[in-house]
Amino acid sequence: MRVAIAGAGSVGRSIAAELTGSGHEVLLIDRDSRAIGLDELPNVEWLLADACELSSLEDARLGEFGAVVAASSDDKANLVVSLLAKTVFGVPRVVARINDPSNEWLFTEAWGVDVAVSPPRLIAALVEESTGMNEAGEAMALMSLPDTDLLEFTLPEDGAHVGRPVRELVPDLPEDIVLVAVVREGRVRPPAPETVLEPGDELVFLSSAESVQELGGILVPGAHQPR
């Protein structure tokens, strides 16, 4: 699937790395030339442009993409990109990042948003769900988004990917399951390809697949299955 990502900051780059690792074709759009990293993400297409401008999205041929991710650090920009992607170009799937939780009410279908993801909400959910509800080796749903589940998996000491970098885990994941964050010692970090996984890491996945039951078998072969 072809995916366009507006915003080439740390979040946009991390998403691009995950999606290309899963075999998707990715275009990163950013108006800041300093954000372009051809060497860092060699399999990603880059477009130096303002994603809020209609002409830029026309140049990108956005109507040919299966999904758009509005991942900038500016909520206003993310809303504009989402609206244009859905209403002008008819993109089937639009995912938007919410930076300020007070703006969450705006990120709806009226603005072209199919799925809105709020990192502050995610962190709060991780804190609230961390007391006795998730044993090592078991995945559980943190919250539900439209047609999408957010899953948490605590990596046990005997996890198959302990001591291995994230880039080796991504190709093993079922289709439509994406690693979106690694939580270590209470700190949330993007799943950079070079990050080495450790026992106790909380892996957060976004999934729209029916193959969630496979996740536990991949991370802990022969052990616990997700529930």
C-alpha atoms as a PDB file:
ATOM      1  CA  MET A   1       0.000   0.000   0.000  1.00  0.00           C
ATOM      2  CA  ARG A   2       1.154   3.547  -0.721  1.00  0.00           C
ATOM      3  CA  VAL A   3       1.162   5.756   2.373  1.00  0.00           C
ATOM      4  CA  ALA A   4       1.822   9.506   2.534  1.00  0.00           C
ATOM      5  CA  ILE A   5       3.055  10.977   5.812  1.00  0.00           C
ATOM      6  CA  ALA A   6       2.826  14.730   6.385  1.00  0.00           C
ATOM      7  CA  GLY A   7       5.522  15.767   8.845  1.00  0.00           C
ATOM      8  CA  ALA A   8       9.051  14.363   8.855  1.00  0.00           C
ATOM      9  CA  GLY A   9       9.816  14.903  12.538  1.00  0.00           C
ATOM     10  CA  SER A  10      10.717  12.075  14.896  1.00  0.00           C
ATOM     11  CA  VAL A  11       7.151  10.720  14.850  1.00  0.00           C
ATOM     12  CA  GLY A  12       6.780  10.828  11.087  1.00  0.00           C
ATOM     13  CA  ARG A  13      10.175   9.238  10.545  1.00  0.00           C
ATOM     14  CA  SER A  14       9.437   6.440  13.019  1.00  0.00           C
ATOM     15  CA  ILE A  15       6.138   5.669  11.310  1.00  0.00           C
ATOM     16  CA  ALA A  16       7.870   5.683   7.926  1.00  0.00           C
ATOM     17  CA  ALA A  17      10.517   3.251   9.151  1.00  0.00           C
ATOM     18  CA  GLU A  18       7.868   0.875  10.486  1.00  0.00           C
ATOM     19  CA  LEU A  19       5.754   0.968   7.345  1.00  0.00           C
ATOM     20  CA  THR A  20       8.634   0.495   4.914  1.00  0.00           C
ATOM     21  CA  GLY A  21       9.843  -2.377   7.087  1.00  0.00           C
ATOM     22  CA  SER A  22       6.429  -3.966   6.578  1.00  0.00           C
ATOM     23  CA  GLY A  23       6.676  -3.615   2.809  1.00  0.00           C
ATOM     24  CA  HIS A  24       4.617  -0.460   2.262  1.00  0.00           C
ATOM     25  CA  GLU A  25       5.601   2.348  -0.112  1.00  0.00           C
ATOM     26  CA  VAL A  26       5.993   5.577   1.854  1.00  0.00           C
ATOM     27  CA  LEU A  27       6.185   9.233   0.859  1.00  0.00           C
ATOM     28  CA  LEU A  28       7.296  11.731   3.535  1.00  0.00           C
ATOM     29  CA  ILE A  29       6.237  15.339   2.996  1.00  0.00           C
ATOM     30  CA  ASP A  30       7.847  18.248   4.840  1.00  0.00           C
ATOM     31  CA  ARG A  31       8.537  21.882   3.980  1.00  0.00           C
ATOM     32  CA  ASP A  32      11.775  21.991   6.014  1.00  0.00           C
ATOM     33  CA  SER A  33      14.742  20.796   3.974  1.00  0.00           C
ATOM     34  CA  ARG A  34      16.581  19.982   7.218  1.00  0.00           C
ATOM     35  CA  ALA A  35      14.019  17.264   7.906  1.00  0.00           C
ATOM     36  CA  ILE A  36      14.894  15.349   4.771  1.00  0.00           C
ATOM     37  CA  GLY A  37      17.136  12.385   5.527  1.00  0.00           C
ATOM     38  CA  LEU A  38      17.861  10.398   2.388  1.00  0.00           C
ATOM     39  CA  ASP A  39      20.572   8.376   4.127  1.00  0.00           C
ATOM     40  CA  GLU A  40      18.507   7.711   7.252  1.00  0.00           C
ATOM     41  CA  LEU A  41      15.504   6.308   5.379  1.00  0.00           C
ATOM     42  CA  PRO A  42      16.801   5.249   1.960  1.00  0.00           C
ATOM     43  CA  ASN A  43      13.627   3.335   1.034  1.00  0.00           C
ATOM     44  CA  VAL A  44      11.349   6.324   1.585  1.00  0.00           C
ATOM     45  CA  GLU A  45      10.308   8.853  -1.057  1.00  0.00           C
ATOM     46  CA  TRP A  46      10.655  12.509  -0.032  1.00  0.00           C
ATOM     47  CA  LEU A  47       8.792  15.620  -1.107  1.00  0.00           C
ATOM     48  CA  LEU A  48       9.968  19.069  -0.023  1.00  0.00           C
ATOM     49  CA  ALA A  49       6.657  20.912   0.160  1.00  0.00           C
ATOM     50  CA  ASP A  50       3.967  22.322   2.429  1.00  0.00           C
ATOM     51  CA  ALA A  51       1.417  19.538   2.921  1.00  0.00           C
ATOM     52  CA  CYS A  52      -1.244  22.140   3.775  1.00  0.00           C
ATOM     53  CA  GLU A  53      -1.133  23.536   0.252  1.00  0.00           C
ATOM     54  CA  LEU A  54      -3.461  21.933  -2.268  1.00  0.00           C
ATOM     55  CA  SER A  55      -0.903  22.274  -5.055  1.00  0.00           C
ATOM     56  CA  SER A  56       1.653  20.296  -3.046  1.00  0.00           C
ATOM     57  CA  LEU A  57      -0.756  17.411  -2.551  1.00  0.00           C
ATOM     58  CA  GLU A  58      -1.648  17.510  -6.236  1.00  0.00           C
ATOM     59  CA  ASP A  59       2.055  17.248  -7.077  1.00  0.00           C
ATOM     60  CA  ALA A  60       2.254  14.260  -4.734  1.00  0.00           C
ATOM     61  CA  ARG A  61      -0.732  12.663  -6.573  1.00  0.00           C
ATOM     62  CA  LEU A  62      -2.344  12.012  -3.219  1.00  0.00           C
ATOM     63  CA  GLY A  63      -5.408  10.437  -4.779  1.00  0.00           C
ATOM     64  CA  GLU A  64      -3.281   7.388  -5.643  1.00  0.00           C
ATOM     65  CA  PHE A  65      -2.472   6.661  -1.990  1.00  0.00           C
ATOM     66  CA  GLY A  66      -4.271   4.141   0.200  1.00  0.00           C
ATOM     67  CA  ALA A  67      -3.618   6.022   3.429  1.00  0.00           C
ATOM     68  CA  VAL A  68      -2.434   9.378   4.722  1.00  0.00           C
ATOM     69  CA  VAL A  69      -0.889  10.050   8.132  1.00  0.00           C
ATOM     70  CA  ALA A  70      -0.956  13.642   9.412  1.00  0.00           C
ATOM     71  CA  ALA A  71       1.955  13.431  11.828  1.00  0.00           C
ATOM     72  CA  SER A  72       3.208  16.986  12.274  1.00  0.00           C
ATOM     73  CA  SER A  73       3.612  18.727  15.631  1.00  0.00           C
ATOM     74  CA  ASP A  74       0.947  21.297  14.638  1.00  0.00           C
ATOM     75  CA  ASP A  75      -2.685  20.251  15.213  1.00  0.00           C
ATOM     76  CA  LYS A  76      -3.974  22.888  12.783  1.00  0.00           C
ATOM     77  CA  ALA A  77      -1.761  21.523  10.027  1.00  0.00           C
ATOM     78  CA  ASN A  78      -2.834  17.959  10.780  1.00  0.00           C
ATOM     79  CA  LEU A  79      -6.498  18.930  10.501  1.00  0.00           C
ATOM     80  CA  VAL A  80      -5.982  20.715   7.186  1.00  0.00           C
ATOM     81  CA  VAL A  81      -4.046  17.780   5.727  1.00  0.00           C
ATOM     82  CA  SER A  82      -6.728  15.343   6.905  1.00  0.00           C
ATOM     83  CA  LEU A  83      -9.550  17.389   5.437  1.00  0.00           C
ATOM     84  CA  LEU A  84      -7.848  17.806   2.072  1.00  0.00           C
ATOM     85  CA  ALA A  85      -6.838  14.154   1.916  1.00  0.00           C
ATOM     86  CA  LYS A  86     -10.375  12.915   2.531  1.00  0.00           C
ATOM     87  CA  THR A  87     -12.586  15.495   0.800  1.00  0.00           C
ATOM     88  CA  VAL A  88     -10.451  16.516  -2.181  1.00  0.00           C
ATOM     89  CA  PHE A  89      -8.457  13.360  -2.913  1.00  0.00           C
ATOM     90  CA  GLY A  90     -10.750  10.686  -1.491  1.00  0.00           C
ATOM     91  CA  VAL A  91      -8.014   8.869   0.445  1.00  0.00           C
ATOM     92  CA  PRO A  92      -9.616   5.757   2.023  1.00  0.00           C
ATOM     93  CA  ARG A  93      -7.749   5.896   5.348  1.00  0.00           C
ATOM     94  CA  VAL A  94      -6.675   9.072   7.159  1.00  0.00           C
ATOM     95  CA  VAL A  95      -4.838   8.873  10.488  1.00  0.00           C
ATOM     96  CA  ALA A  96      -4.080  12.070  12.416  1.00  0.00           C
ATOM     97  CA  ARG A  97      -1.819  12.850  15.345  1.00  0.00           C
ATOM     98  CA  ILE A  98      -3.275  14.962  18.176  1.00  0.00           C
ATOM     99  CA  ASN A  99      -0.634  17.014  19.970  1.00  0.00           C
ATOM    100  CA  ASP A 100      -2.856  18.950  22.369  1.00  0.00           C
ATOM    101  CA  PRO A 101      -5.567  16.818  24.066  1.00  0.00           C
ATOM    102  CA  SER A 102      -7.828  19.871  24.292  1.00  0.00           C
ATOM    103  CA  ASN A 103      -8.135  19.734  20.494  1.00  0.00           C
ATOM    104  CA  GLU A 104      -9.287  16.128  20.470  1.00  0.00           C
ATOM    105  CA  TRP A 105     -12.927  17.084  19.815  1.00  0.00           C
ATOM    106  CA  LEU A 106     -11.953  18.492  16.427  1.00  0.00           C
ATOM    107  CA  PHE A 107     -10.401  15.287  15.107  1.00  0.00           C
ATOM    108  CA  THR A 108     -13.553  13.679  13.725  1.00  0.00           C
ATOM    109  CA  GLU A 109     -14.961  12.504  10.409  1.00  0.00           C
ATOM    110  CA  ALA A 110     -16.128  16.083   9.816  1.00  0.00           C
ATOM    111  CA  TRP A 111     -12.455  16.975   9.349  1.00  0.00           C
ATOM    112  CA  GLY A 112     -11.735  13.825   7.322  1.00  0.00           C
ATOM    113  CA  VAL A 113     -10.121  11.927  10.209  1.00  0.00           C
ATOM    114  CA  ASP A 114     -10.754   8.172  10.336  1.00  0.00           C
ATOM    115  CA  VAL A 115      -8.430   7.486  13.284  1.00  0.00           C
ATOM    116  CA  ALA A 116      -7.042  10.049  15.736  1.00  0.00           C
ATOM    117  CA  VAL A 117      -4.093   9.146  17.950  1.00  0.00           C
ATOM    118  CA  SER A 118      -3.220  11.241  21.001  1.00  0.00           C
ATOM    119  CA  PRO A 119       0.187  10.427  22.562  1.00  0.00           C
ATOM    120  CA  PRO A 120      -0.814  12.042  25.892  1.00  0.00           C
ATOM    121  CA  ARG A 121      -3.943   9.858  25.981  1.00  0.00           C
ATOM    122  CA  LEU A 122      -1.818   6.842  25.128  1.00  0.00           C
ATOM    123  CA  ILE A 123       0.594   7.518  27.965  1.00  0.00           C
ATOM    124  CA  ALA A 124      -2.278   8.040  30.406  1.00  0.00           C
ATOM    125  CA  ALA A 125      -3.817   4.747  29.317  1.00  0.00           C
ATOM    126  CA  LEU A 126      -0.524   2.951  29.867  1.00  0.00           C
ATOM    127  CA  VAL A 127      -0.327   4.344  33.405  1.00  0.00           C
ATOM    128  CA  GLU A 128      -3.938   3.499  34.250  1.00  0.00           C
ATOM    129  CA  GLU A 129      -3.720  -0.021  32.883  1.00  0.00           C
ATOM    130  CA  SER A 130      -0.356  -0.868  34.441  1.00  0.00           C
ATOM    131  CA  THR A 131      -1.621  -2.109  37.819  1.00  0.00           C
ATOM    132  CA  GLY A 132      -2.121  -5.831  37.763  1.00  0.00           C
ATOM    133  CA  MET A 133      -3.920  -6.116  34.432  1.00  0.00           C
ATOM    134  CA  ASN A 134      -1.040  -7.166  32.190  1.00  0.00           C
ATOM    135  CA  GLU A 135       1.232 -10.099  32.952  1.00  0.00           C
ATOM    136  CA  ALA A 136       4.480 -10.675  31.100  1.00  0.00           C
ATOM    137  CA  GLY A 137       3.890 -12.484  27.859  1.00  0.00           C
ATOM    138  CA  GLU A 138       0.268 -11.393  27.471  1.00  0.00           C
ATOM    139  CA  ALA A 139      -1.102  -8.751  25.144  1.00  0.00           C
ATOM    140  CA  MET A 140      -4.159  -6.767  26.127  1.00  0.00           C
ATOM    141  CA  ALA A 141      -6.270  -4.064  24.537  1.00  0.00           C
ATOM    142  CA  LEU A 142      -5.640  -0.590  25.982  1.00  0.00           C
ATOM    143  CA  MET A 143      -8.322   1.224  24.035  1.00  0.00           C
ATOM    144  CA  SER A 144     -10.330   0.853  20.863  1.00  0.00           C
ATOM    145  CA  LEU A 145     -10.310   3.181  17.867  1.00  0.00           C
ATOM    146  CA  PRO A 146     -12.632   2.808  14.874  1.00  0.00           C
ATOM    147  CA  ASP A 147     -11.800  -0.603  13.353  1.00  0.00           C
ATOM    148  CA  THR A 148      -8.484  -0.485  15.206  1.00  0.00           C
ATOM    149  CA  ASP A 149      -7.152  -1.794  18.509  1.00  0.00           C
ATOM    150  CA  LEU A 150      -4.254  -0.498  20.555  1.00  0.00           C
ATOM    151  CA  LEU A 151      -2.434  -3.390  22.213  1.00  0.00           C
ATOM    152  CA  GLU A 152       0.195  -3.574  24.939  1.00  0.00           C
ATOM    153  CA  PHE A 153       2.637  -6.453  25.333  1.00  0.00           C
ATOM    154  CA  THR A 154       5.181  -6.670  28.159  1.00  0.00           C
ATOM    155  CA  LEU A 155       8.303  -8.440  26.931  1.00  0.00           C
ATOM    156  CA  PRO A 156       9.359 -11.235  29.349  1.00  0.00           C
ATOM    157  CA  GLU A 157      12.942 -12.351  29.961  1.00  0.00           C
ATOM    158  CA  ASP A 158      12.506 -15.323  27.632  1.00  0.00           C
ATOM    159  CA  GLY A 159      11.003 -13.204  24.862  1.00  0.00           C
ATOM    160  CA  ALA A 160      12.147 -14.244  21.412  1.00  0.00           C
ATOM    161  CA  HIS A 161      13.297 -10.720  20.552  1.00  0.00           C
ATOM    162  CA  VAL A 162      15.031  -9.779  23.802  1.00  0.00           C
ATOM    163  CA  GLY A 163      18.479  -8.434  23.006  1.00  0.00           C
ATOM    164  CA  ARG A 164      17.580  -7.856  19.366  1.00  0.00           C
ATOM    165  CA  PRO A 165      16.941  -4.516  17.610  1.00  0.00           C
ATOM    166  CA  VAL A 166      13.454  -3.392  16.625  1.00  0.00           C
ATOM    167  CA  ARG A 167      14.329  -3.686  12.927  1.00  0.00           C
ATOM    168  CA  GLU A 168      14.487  -7.499  13.355  1.00  0.00           C
ATOM    169  CA  LEU A 169      11.041  -7.640  14.991  1.00  0.00           C
ATOM    170  CA  VAL A 170       9.124  -5.624  12.398  1.00  0.00           C
ATOM    171  CA  PRO A 171       9.381  -8.138   9.505  1.00  0.00           C
ATOM    172  CA  ASP A 172       8.056 -10.904  11.800  1.00  0.00           C
ATOM    173  CA  LEU A 173       4.849  -9.045  12.703  1.00  0.00           C
ATOM    174  CA  PRO A 174       1.565 -10.114  11.080  1.00  0.00           C
ATOM    175  CA  GLU A 175       0.212  -7.867   8.358  1.00  0.00           C
ATOM    176  CA  ASP A 176      -1.786  -4.890   9.696  1.00  0.00           C
ATOM    177  CA  ILE A 177      -0.053  -4.951  13.083  1.00  0.00           C
ATOM    178  CA  VAL A 178       2.340  -2.019  13.590  1.00  0.00           C
ATOM    179  CA  LEU A 179       4.671  -1.307  16.520  1.00  0.00           C
ATOM    180  CA  VAL A 180       4.071   2.338  17.499  1.00  0.00           C
ATOM    181  CA  ALA A 181       5.937   2.790  20.811  1.00  0.00           C
ATOM    182  CA  VAL A 182       8.352   1.221  23.272  1.00  0.00           C
ATOM    183  CA  VAL A 183       7.791   2.104  26.930  1.00  0.00           C
ATOM    184  CA  ARG A 184      10.843   1.561  29.153  1.00  0.00           C
ATOM    185  CA  GLU A 185      11.100   2.563  32.806  1.00  0.00           C
ATOM    186  CA  GLY A 186       8.044   4.776  32.423  1.00  0.00           C
ATOM    187  CA  ARG A 187       9.375   6.649  29.392  1.00  0.00           C
ATOM    188  CA  VAL A 188       7.715   6.419  25.992  1.00  0.00           C
ATOM    189  CA  ARG A 189      10.037   6.358  23.005  1.00  0.00           C
ATOM    190  CA  PRO A 190       9.475   5.858  19.265  1.00  0.00           C
ATOM    191  CA  PRO A 191      10.380   2.374  17.981  1.00  0.00           C
ATOM    192  CA  ALA A 192      13.610   3.358  16.248  1.00  0.00           C
ATOM    193  CA  PRO A 193      15.032   0.506  14.136  1.00  0.00           C
ATOM    194  CA  GLU A 194      18.263   0.429  16.172  1.00  0.00           C
ATOM    195  CA  THR A 195      16.542   0.246  19.590  1.00  0.00           C
ATOM    196  CA  VAL A 196      17.551  -3.011  21.313  1.00  0.00           C
ATOM    197  CA  LEU A 197      14.621  -4.620  23.141  1.00  0.00           C
ATOM    198  CA  GLU A 198      15.011  -5.474  26.819  1.00  0.00           C
ATOM    199  CA  PRO A 199      13.022  -7.624  29.278  1.00  0.00           C
ATOM    200  CA  GLY A 200      10.190  -5.584  30.779  1.00  0.00           C
ATOM    201  CA  ASP A 201       9.813  -3.328  27.746  1.00  0.00           C
ATOM    202  CA  GLU A 202       6.168  -2.532  27.089  1.00  0.00           C
ATOM    203  CA  LEU A 203       5.549  -2.767  23.356  1.00  0.00           C
ATOM    204  CA  VAL A 204       2.535  -0.849  22.053  1.00  0.00           C
ATOM    205  CA  PHE A 205       0.966  -2.016  18.797  1.00  0.00           C
ATOM    206  CA  LEU A 206      -1.732  -0.581  16.541  1.00  0.00           C
ATOM    207  CA  SER A 207      -3.747  -3.335  14.890  1.00  0.00           C
ATOM    208  CA  SER A 208      -6.637  -3.649  12.477  1.00  0.00           C
ATOM    209  CA  ALA A 209      -5.966  -7.312  11.819  1.00  0.00           C
ATOM    210  CA  GLU A 210      -7.715 -10.493  12.834  1.00  0.00           C
ATOM    211  CA  SER A 211      -4.324 -12.078  13.480  1.00  0.00           C
ATOM    212  CA  VAL A 212      -3.767 -10.551  16.929  1.00  0.00           C
ATOM    213  CA  GLN A 213      -3.676 -14.073  18.390  1.00  0.00           C
ATOM    214  CA  GLU A 214      -0.417 -14.631  16.500  1.00  0.00           C
ATOM    215  CA  LEU A 215       1.353 -11.833  18.362  1.00  0.00           C
ATOM    216  CA  GLY A 216       2.078 -13.734  21.566  1.00  0.00           C
ATOM    217  CA  GLY A 217       3.400 -16.702  19.624  1.00  0.00           C
ATOM    218  CA  ILE A 218       5.832 -14.443  17.763  1.00  0.00           C
ATOM    219  CA  LEU A 219       7.123 -12.598  20.818  1.00  0.00           C
ATOM    220  CA  VAL A 220       7.155 -15.632  23.131  1.00  0.00           C
ATOM    221  CA  PRO A 221       7.091 -18.789  20.970  1.00  0.00           C
ATOM    222  CA  GLY A 222       5.409 -21.704  22.686  1.00  0.00           C
ATOM    223  CA  ALA A 223       4.444 -19.610  25.693  1.00  0.00           C
ATOM    224  CA  HIS A 224       1.484 -17.374  26.481  1.00  0.00           C
ATOM    225  CA  GLN A 225      -1.018 -16.366  23.846  1.00  0.00           C
ATOM    226  CA  PRO A 226      -2.613 -12.898  23.800  1.00  0.00           C
ATOM    227  CA  ARG A 227      -6.066 -12.433  25.220  1.00  0.00           C
END
